[in-house]
C-alpha atoms as a PDB file:
ATOM      1  CA  MET A   1     -35.233 -25.444 -48.793  1.00  0.00           C
ATOM      2  CA  THR A   2     -32.167 -23.400 -47.724  1.00  0.00           C
ATOM      3  CA  ILE A   3     -29.471 -24.444 -45.312  1.00  0.00           C
ATOM      4  CA  LEU A   4     -31.016 -22.425 -42.496  1.00  0.00           C
ATOM      5  CA  GLU A   5     -34.441 -24.029 -42.972  1.00  0.00           C
ATOM      6  CA  THR A   6     -33.336 -27.640 -42.500  1.00  0.00           C
ATOM      7  CA  LYS A   7     -34.563 -29.370 -39.339  1.00  0.00           C
ATOM      8  CA  SER A   8     -32.026 -32.199 -39.378  1.00  0.00           C
ATOM      9  CA  PRO A   9     -29.563 -32.327 -36.440  1.00  0.00           C
ATOM     10  CA  GLU A  10     -26.834 -33.042 -38.979  1.00  0.00           C
ATOM     11  CA  ALA A  11     -27.574 -29.882 -40.915  1.00  0.00           C
ATOM     12  CA  SER A  12     -24.712 -27.757 -42.097  1.00  0.00           C
ATOM     13  CA  VAL A  13     -23.709 -24.601 -40.269  1.00  0.00           C
ATOM     14  CA  ASN A  14     -23.629 -21.467 -42.396  1.00  0.00           C
ATOM     15  CA  CYS A  15     -20.766 -19.130 -41.431  1.00  0.00           C
ATOM     16  CA  GLU A  16     -20.262 -16.122 -43.693  1.00  0.00           C
ATOM     17  CA  ASN A  17     -21.405 -17.956 -46.832  1.00  0.00           C
ATOM     18  CA  LEU A  18     -19.162 -20.900 -45.973  1.00  0.00           C
ATOM     19  CA  THR A  19     -20.962 -24.186 -45.390  1.00  0.00           C
ATOM     20  CA  ILE A  20     -19.231 -26.428 -42.865  1.00  0.00           C
ATOM     21  CA  PRO A  21     -20.576 -29.879 -41.978  1.00  0.00           C
ATOM     22  CA  PRO A  22     -21.039 -30.427 -38.207  1.00  0.00           C
ATOM     23  CA  ALA A  23     -18.298 -33.069 -38.020  1.00  0.00           C
ATOM     24  CA  GLN A  24     -15.824 -30.703 -39.693  1.00  0.00           C
ATOM     25  CA  SER A  25     -16.904 -27.895 -37.360  1.00  0.00           C
ATOM     26  CA  SER A  26     -16.158 -29.976 -34.253  1.00  0.00           C
ATOM     27  CA  ILE A  27     -12.786 -30.969 -35.705  1.00  0.00           C
ATOM     28  CA  ASN A  28     -11.984 -27.285 -36.233  1.00  0.00           C
ATOM     29  CA  ILE A  29     -12.941 -26.485 -32.631  1.00  0.00           C
ATOM     30  CA  TRP A  30     -10.641 -29.217 -31.281  1.00  0.00           C
ATOM     31  CA  LYS A  31      -7.875 -28.120 -33.637  1.00  0.00           C
ATOM     32  CA  LYS A  32      -8.191 -24.520 -32.451  1.00  0.00           C
ATOM     33  CA  LEU A  33      -8.283 -25.658 -28.813  1.00  0.00           C
ATOM     34  CA  ARG A  34      -5.147 -27.745 -29.346  1.00  0.00           C
ATOM     35  CA  GLY A  35      -3.528 -24.789 -31.080  1.00  0.00           C
ATOM     36  CA  GLY A  36      -4.425 -22.515 -28.184  1.00  0.00           C
ATOM     37  CA  ILE A  37      -2.928 -24.902 -25.652  1.00  0.00           C
ATOM     38  CA  LEU A  38       0.269 -25.243 -27.707  1.00  0.00           C
ATOM     39  CA  LEU A  39       0.422 -21.458 -28.099  1.00  0.00           C
ATOM     40  CA  VAL A  40       0.121 -20.873 -24.333  1.00  0.00           C
ATOM     41  CA  LEU A  41       2.650 -23.600 -23.468  1.00  0.00           C
ATOM     42  CA  GLY A  42       5.004 -22.250 -26.100  1.00  0.00           C
ATOM     43  CA  TYR A  43       4.649 -18.723 -24.743  1.00  0.00           C
ATOM     44  CA  LEU A  44       5.444 -19.932 -21.240  1.00  0.00           C
ATOM     45  CA  LEU A  45       8.630 -21.608 -22.476  1.00  0.00           C
ATOM     46  CA  SER A  46       9.659 -18.942 -24.982  1.00  0.00           C
ATOM     47  CA  PRO A  47      11.949 -15.983 -24.369  1.00  0.00           C
ATOM     48  CA  LEU A  48       8.970 -13.688 -25.023  1.00  0.00           C
ATOM     49  CA  CYS A  49       7.633 -14.356 -21.523  1.00  0.00           C
ATOM     50  CA  TRP A  50       9.807 -12.342 -19.130  1.00  0.00           C
ATOM     51  CA  TRP A  51       8.970 -14.202 -15.918  1.00  0.00           C
ATOM     52  CA  ASN A  52       9.124 -17.767 -17.224  1.00  0.00           C
ATOM     53  CA  ASP A  53      12.766 -18.528 -16.484  1.00  0.00           C
ATOM     54  CA  LEU A  54      12.466 -19.001 -12.734  1.00  0.00           C
ATOM     55  CA  LEU A  55       9.320 -21.121 -12.923  1.00  0.00           C
ATOM     56  CA  PHE A  56       9.796 -23.115 -16.137  1.00  0.00           C
ATOM     57  CA  ASN A  57      13.014 -22.812 -18.096  1.00  0.00           C
ATOM     58  CA  LEU A  58      15.617 -23.020 -15.331  1.00  0.00           C
ATOM     59  CA  PRO A  59      14.090 -26.109 -13.639  1.00  0.00           C
ATOM     60  CA  ILE A  60      13.805 -27.813 -17.033  1.00  0.00           C
ATOM     61  CA  ALA A  61      17.372 -26.810 -17.909  1.00  0.00           C
ATOM     62  CA  TYR A  62      18.707 -27.993 -14.550  1.00  0.00           C
ATOM     63  CA  PHE A  63      16.898 -31.320 -14.903  1.00  0.00           C
ATOM     64  CA  PHE A  64      18.394 -31.750 -18.381  1.00  0.00           C
ATOM     65  CA  GLY A  65      21.848 -30.905 -16.980  1.00  0.00           C
ATOM     66  CA  TYR A  66      21.309 -33.317 -14.095  1.00  0.00           C
ATOM     67  CA  LEU A  67      20.427 -36.147 -16.481  1.00  0.00           C
ATOM     68  CA  CYS A  68      23.559 -35.415 -18.507  1.00  0.00           C
ATOM     69  CA  SER A  69      25.670 -35.275 -15.324  1.00  0.00           C
ATOM     70  CA  LEU A  70      24.753 -38.889 -14.644  1.00  0.00           C
ATOM     71  CA  LEU A  71      27.020 -39.724 -17.591  1.00  0.00           C
ATOM     72  CA  SER A  72      29.790 -37.392 -16.441  1.00  0.00           C
ATOM     73  CA  PRO A  73      29.715 -34.842 -13.584  1.00  0.00           C
ATOM     74  CA  LYS A  74      31.506 -32.308 -15.802  1.00  0.00           C
ATOM     75  CA  LEU A  75      28.430 -32.134 -18.064  1.00  0.00           C
ATOM     76  CA  LEU A  76      26.134 -30.515 -15.472  1.00  0.00           C
ATOM     77  CA  PHE A  77      26.864 -26.861 -16.295  1.00  0.00           C
ATOM     78  CA  PRO A  78      27.247 -27.127 -20.108  1.00  0.00           C
ATOM     79  CA  CYS A  79      24.157 -29.310 -20.446  1.00  0.00           C
ATOM     80  CA  THR A  80      22.180 -26.955 -18.205  1.00  0.00           C
ATOM     81  CA  ILE A  81      22.990 -24.144 -20.641  1.00  0.00           C
ATOM     82  CA  ILE A  82      22.059 -26.365 -23.594  1.00  0.00           C
ATOM     83  CA  GLY A  83      18.838 -27.375 -21.804  1.00  0.00           C
ATOM     84  CA  TYR A  84      17.966 -23.718 -21.231  1.00  0.00           C
ATOM     85  CA  TRP A  85      18.516 -22.909 -24.903  1.00  0.00           C
ATOM     86  CA  LEU A  86      16.497 -25.961 -25.967  1.00  0.00           C
ATOM     87  CA  SER A  87      13.579 -25.053 -23.689  1.00  0.00           C
ATOM     88  CA  ASN A  88      13.418 -21.603 -25.285  1.00  0.00           C
ATOM     89  CA  ILE A  89      13.612 -23.064 -28.797  1.00  0.00           C
ATOM     90  CA  ILE A  90      10.902 -25.615 -27.974  1.00  0.00           C
ATOM     91  CA  GLY A  91       8.754 -22.749 -26.700  1.00  0.00           C
ATOM     92  CA  ILE A  92       9.107 -20.874 -29.975  1.00  0.00           C
ATOM     93  CA  LEU A  93       8.349 -24.052 -31.936  1.00  0.00           C
ATOM     94  CA  LEU A  94       5.228 -24.743 -29.858  1.00  0.00           C
ATOM     95  CA  MET A  95       4.053 -21.183 -30.452  1.00  0.00           C
ATOM     96  CA  GLN A  96       4.538 -21.585 -34.197  1.00  0.00           C
ATOM     97  CA  PHE A  97       2.692 -24.928 -34.333  1.00  0.00           C
ATOM     98  CA  GLY A  98      -0.096 -23.592 -32.120  1.00  0.00           C
ATOM     99  CA  SER A  99      -0.572 -20.459 -34.179  1.00  0.00           C
ATOM    100  CA  VAL A 100      -0.793 -22.533 -37.370  1.00  0.00           C
ATOM    101  CA  ASP A 101      -3.528 -24.663 -35.772  1.00  0.00           C
ATOM    102  CA  MET A 102      -5.420 -21.627 -34.530  1.00  0.00           C
ATOM    103  CA  PHE A 103      -5.151 -19.216 -37.432  1.00  0.00           C
ATOM    104  CA  GLN A 104      -4.839 -21.322 -40.579  1.00  0.00           C
ATOM    105  CA  LYS A 105      -8.168 -21.104 -42.406  1.00  0.00           C
ATOM    106  CA  GLU A 106      -7.910 -24.006 -44.809  1.00  0.00           C
ATOM    107  CA  ASN A 107      -6.809 -27.563 -44.174  1.00  0.00           C
ATOM    108  CA  LYS A 108      -3.555 -28.022 -46.013  1.00  0.00           C
ATOM    109  CA  GLU A 109      -1.262 -30.993 -46.054  1.00  0.00           C
ATOM    110  CA  ARG A 110       1.422 -30.372 -43.447  1.00  0.00           C
ATOM    111  CA  ASN A 111       5.017 -31.360 -44.009  1.00  0.00           C
ATOM    112  CA  LEU A 112       6.369 -31.854 -40.490  1.00  0.00           C
ATOM    113  CA  LYS A 113      10.023 -32.054 -41.565  1.00  0.00           C
ATOM    114  CA  LYS A 114       9.769 -28.825 -43.545  1.00  0.00           C
ATOM    115  CA  GLU A 115       7.893 -27.030 -40.728  1.00  0.00           C
ATOM    116  CA  LEU A 116      10.407 -28.222 -38.144  1.00  0.00           C
ATOM    117  CA  PHE A 117      13.353 -27.164 -40.291  1.00  0.00           C
ATOM    118  CA  ASN A 118      11.826 -23.731 -40.954  1.00  0.00           C
ATOM    119  CA  SER A 119      11.018 -23.306 -37.267  1.00  0.00           C
ATOM    120  CA  LEU A 120      14.533 -24.237 -36.171  1.00  0.00           C
ATOM    121  CA  VAL A 121      16.062 -21.879 -38.726  1.00  0.00           C
ATOM    122  CA  SER A 122      13.798 -18.994 -37.722  1.00  0.00           C
ATOM    123  CA  SER A 123      14.415 -19.640 -34.007  1.00  0.00           C
ATOM    124  CA  THR A 124      18.170 -19.746 -34.531  1.00  0.00           C
ATOM    125  CA  VAL A 125      18.066 -16.545 -36.581  1.00  0.00           C
ATOM    126  CA  TYR A 126      16.011 -14.914 -33.804  1.00  0.00           C
ATOM    127  CA  THR A 127      18.584 -15.977 -31.193  1.00  0.00           C
ATOM    128  CA  ILE A 128      21.482 -14.703 -33.293  1.00  0.00           C
ATOM    129  CA  MET A 129      19.702 -11.386 -33.902  1.00  0.00           C
ATOM    130  CA  ILE A 130      19.121 -10.863 -30.167  1.00  0.00           C
ATOM    131  CA  LEU A 131      22.750 -11.704 -29.379  1.00  0.00           C
ATOM    132  CA  LEU A 132      23.899  -9.329 -32.122  1.00  0.00           C
ATOM    133  CA  LEU A 133      21.691  -6.523 -30.798  1.00  0.00           C
ATOM    134  CA  ILE A 134      23.121  -7.055 -27.304  1.00  0.00           C
ATOM    135  CA  GLN A 135      26.730  -7.148 -28.580  1.00  0.00           C
ATOM    136  CA  LEU A 136      26.233  -3.945 -30.607  1.00  0.00           C
ATOM    137  CA  LYS A 137      24.752  -2.282 -27.493  1.00  0.00           C
ATOM    138  CA  ILE A 138      21.486  -1.578 -29.328  1.00  0.00           C
ATOM    139  CA  ILE A 139      19.567  -3.266 -26.529  1.00  0.00           C
ATOM    140  CA  ASP A 140      20.729  -3.722 -22.957  1.00  0.00           C
ATOM    141  CA  THR A 141      20.474  -6.751 -20.787  1.00  0.00           C
ATOM    142  CA  PRO A 142      18.750  -6.269 -17.432  1.00  0.00           C
ATOM    143  CA  THR A 143      21.021  -5.123 -14.605  1.00  0.00           C
ATOM    144  CA  LEU A 144      19.117  -6.842 -11.817  1.00  0.00           C
ATOM    145  CA  PHE A 145      22.030  -8.423 -10.007  1.00  0.00           C
ATOM    146  CA  THR A 146      24.851  -5.932 -10.494  1.00  0.00           C
ATOM    147  CA  ASN A 147      26.257  -3.814  -7.708  1.00  0.00           C
ATOM    148  CA  GLY A 148      26.071  -0.583  -9.722  1.00  0.00           C
END
């Protein structure tokens, strides 16, 4: 009897010559759903989403600055800038974790410290590259609020 001929409710599912037990299939669906949610949240926080600052990043950054200003009022502005940068970095990290959950075919052991380190390095390199491109006048920043 082949896999497709079994009548058992716990029968395996045959997907492109790959046999997946039902329990593993439901785990994969939840993993992909979790990855999709992380990917969307990450996109909303990341610098890749052009409209996110007003709705997400700036309120988060201001709240972070406000919490820091409870220690010292002078920390409001610097910590708001740090909070803005952190919200963008967290967005990129969430996108990376979500895409791994969604697109990784095989279940591999995950090393969270290594993934976090690699994500922080790649996010920092991305930020430095964008700043360098702006400083070298290769890309322009938007001129929305200038008088010219």
